[in-house]
Amino acid sequence: MLRVNQLNRYKKHLEERYYILVERSQNYKYVDEAKSDMASYKAMKILEKINRVNYLDNSLV
């Protein structure tokens, strides 16, 4: 049960970070394209991690 809680906490942390980066990407869209692209890239990397955690969470159930 400890691992499930740990995965849920990690998933929540990643989702919060993902939403912050997506918002940052949208905010910089017309101001600074390089910052927007970098935030978008980081958000994609975090989304990959979220998908991995979802897979692990489903396999534990």
C-alpha atoms as a PDB file:
ATOM      1  CA  MET A   1       0.000   0.000   0.000  1.00  0.00           C
ATOM      2  CA  LEU A   2       2.947   2.289   0.631  1.00  0.00           C
ATOM      3  CA  ARG A   3       4.004   2.128  -3.032  1.00  0.00           C
ATOM      4  CA  VAL A   4       0.505   3.077  -4.201  1.00  0.00           C
ATOM      5  CA  ASN A   5       0.519   6.150  -1.976  1.00  0.00           C
ATOM      6  CA  GLN A   6       3.997   7.034  -3.131  1.00  0.00           C
ATOM      7  CA  LEU A   7       2.939   6.736  -6.788  1.00  0.00           C
ATOM      8  CA  ASN A   8      -0.121   8.886  -6.165  1.00  0.00           C
ATOM      9  CA  ARG A   9       1.939  11.610  -4.504  1.00  0.00           C
ATOM     10  CA  TYR A  10       4.477  11.540  -7.333  1.00  0.00           C
ATOM     11  CA  LYS A  11       1.692  11.639  -9.928  1.00  0.00           C
ATOM     12  CA  LYS A  12       0.078  14.619  -8.220  1.00  0.00           C
ATOM     13  CA  HIS A  13       3.426  16.418  -8.119  1.00  0.00           C
ATOM     14  CA  LEU A  14       4.024  15.750 -11.814  1.00  0.00           C
ATOM     15  CA  GLU A  15       0.523  16.892 -12.779  1.00  0.00           C
ATOM     16  CA  GLU A  16       0.939  20.172 -10.891  1.00  0.00           C
ATOM     17  CA  ARG A  17       4.285  20.769 -12.592  1.00  0.00           C
ATOM     18  CA  TYR A  18       2.776  19.867 -15.971  1.00  0.00           C
ATOM     19  CA  TYR A  19      -0.069  22.380 -15.611  1.00  0.00           C
ATOM     20  CA  ILE A  20       2.355  25.118 -14.561  1.00  0.00           C
ATOM     21  CA  LEU A  21       4.542  24.475 -17.607  1.00  0.00           C
ATOM     22  CA  VAL A  22       1.585  24.390 -20.010  1.00  0.00           C
ATOM     23  CA  GLU A  23       0.345  27.681 -18.606  1.00  0.00           C
ATOM     24  CA  ARG A  24       3.832  29.177 -18.892  1.00  0.00           C
ATOM     25  CA  SER A  25       4.037  27.977 -22.481  1.00  0.00           C
ATOM     26  CA  GLN A  26       0.759  29.672 -23.312  1.00  0.00           C
ATOM     27  CA  ASN A  27       1.763  32.903 -21.560  1.00  0.00           C
ATOM     28  CA  TYR A  28       5.051  33.207 -23.456  1.00  0.00           C
ATOM     29  CA  LYS A  29       3.544  32.180 -26.789  1.00  0.00           C
ATOM     30  CA  TYR A  30       3.612  35.681 -28.306  1.00  0.00           C
ATOM     31  CA  VAL A  31       6.245  37.284 -26.082  1.00  0.00           C
ATOM     32  CA  ASP A  32       9.208  34.927 -26.307  1.00  0.00           C
ATOM     33  CA  GLU A  33       8.959  31.878 -28.548  1.00  0.00           C
ATOM     34  CA  ALA A  34      12.107  30.263 -27.177  1.00  0.00           C
ATOM     35  CA  LYS A  35      10.761  30.267 -23.602  1.00  0.00           C
ATOM     36  CA  SER A  36       7.416  29.000 -24.860  1.00  0.00           C
ATOM     37  CA  ASP A  37       9.051  26.152 -26.765  1.00  0.00           C
ATOM     38  CA  MET A  38      11.234  25.206 -23.812  1.00  0.00           C
ATOM     39  CA  ALA A  39       8.267  25.127 -21.416  1.00  0.00           C
ATOM     40  CA  SER A  40       6.302  23.073 -23.936  1.00  0.00           C
ATOM     41  CA  TYR A  41       9.177  20.610 -24.310  1.00  0.00           C
ATOM     42  CA  LYS A  42       9.501  20.196 -20.543  1.00  0.00           C
ATOM     43  CA  ALA A  43       5.732  19.694 -20.289  1.00  0.00           C
ATOM     44  CA  MET A  44       5.911  16.908 -22.881  1.00  0.00           C
ATOM     45  CA  LYS A  45       8.695  15.195 -20.939  1.00  0.00           C
ATOM     46  CA  ILE A  46       6.659  15.378 -17.737  1.00  0.00           C
ATOM     47  CA  LEU A  47       3.602  14.036 -19.561  1.00  0.00           C
ATOM     48  CA  GLU A  48       5.668  10.981 -20.534  1.00  0.00           C
ATOM     49  CA  LYS A  49       6.491  10.454 -16.859  1.00  0.00           C
ATOM     50  CA  ILE A  50       2.812  10.813 -15.920  1.00  0.00           C
ATOM     51  CA  ASN A  51       1.914   8.147 -18.465  1.00  0.00           C
ATOM     52  CA  ARG A  52       4.562   5.822 -17.021  1.00  0.00           C
ATOM     53  CA  VAL A  53       3.206   6.322 -13.511  1.00  0.00           C
ATOM     54  CA  ASN A  54      -0.341   5.645 -14.763  1.00  0.00           C
ATOM     55  CA  TYR A  55       0.868   2.406 -16.331  1.00  0.00           C
ATOM     56  CA  LEU A  56       2.562   1.341 -13.097  1.00  0.00           C
ATOM     57  CA  ASP A  57      -0.493   2.302 -11.080  1.00  0.00           C
ATOM     58  CA  ASN A  58      -2.742   0.205 -13.337  1.00  0.00           C
ATOM     59  CA  SER A  59      -0.437  -2.781 -13.147  1.00  0.00           C
ATOM     60  CA  LEU A  60      -0.473  -2.690  -9.334  1.00  0.00           C
ATOM     61  CA  VAL A  61      -4.255  -2.899  -9.173  1.00  0.00           C
END
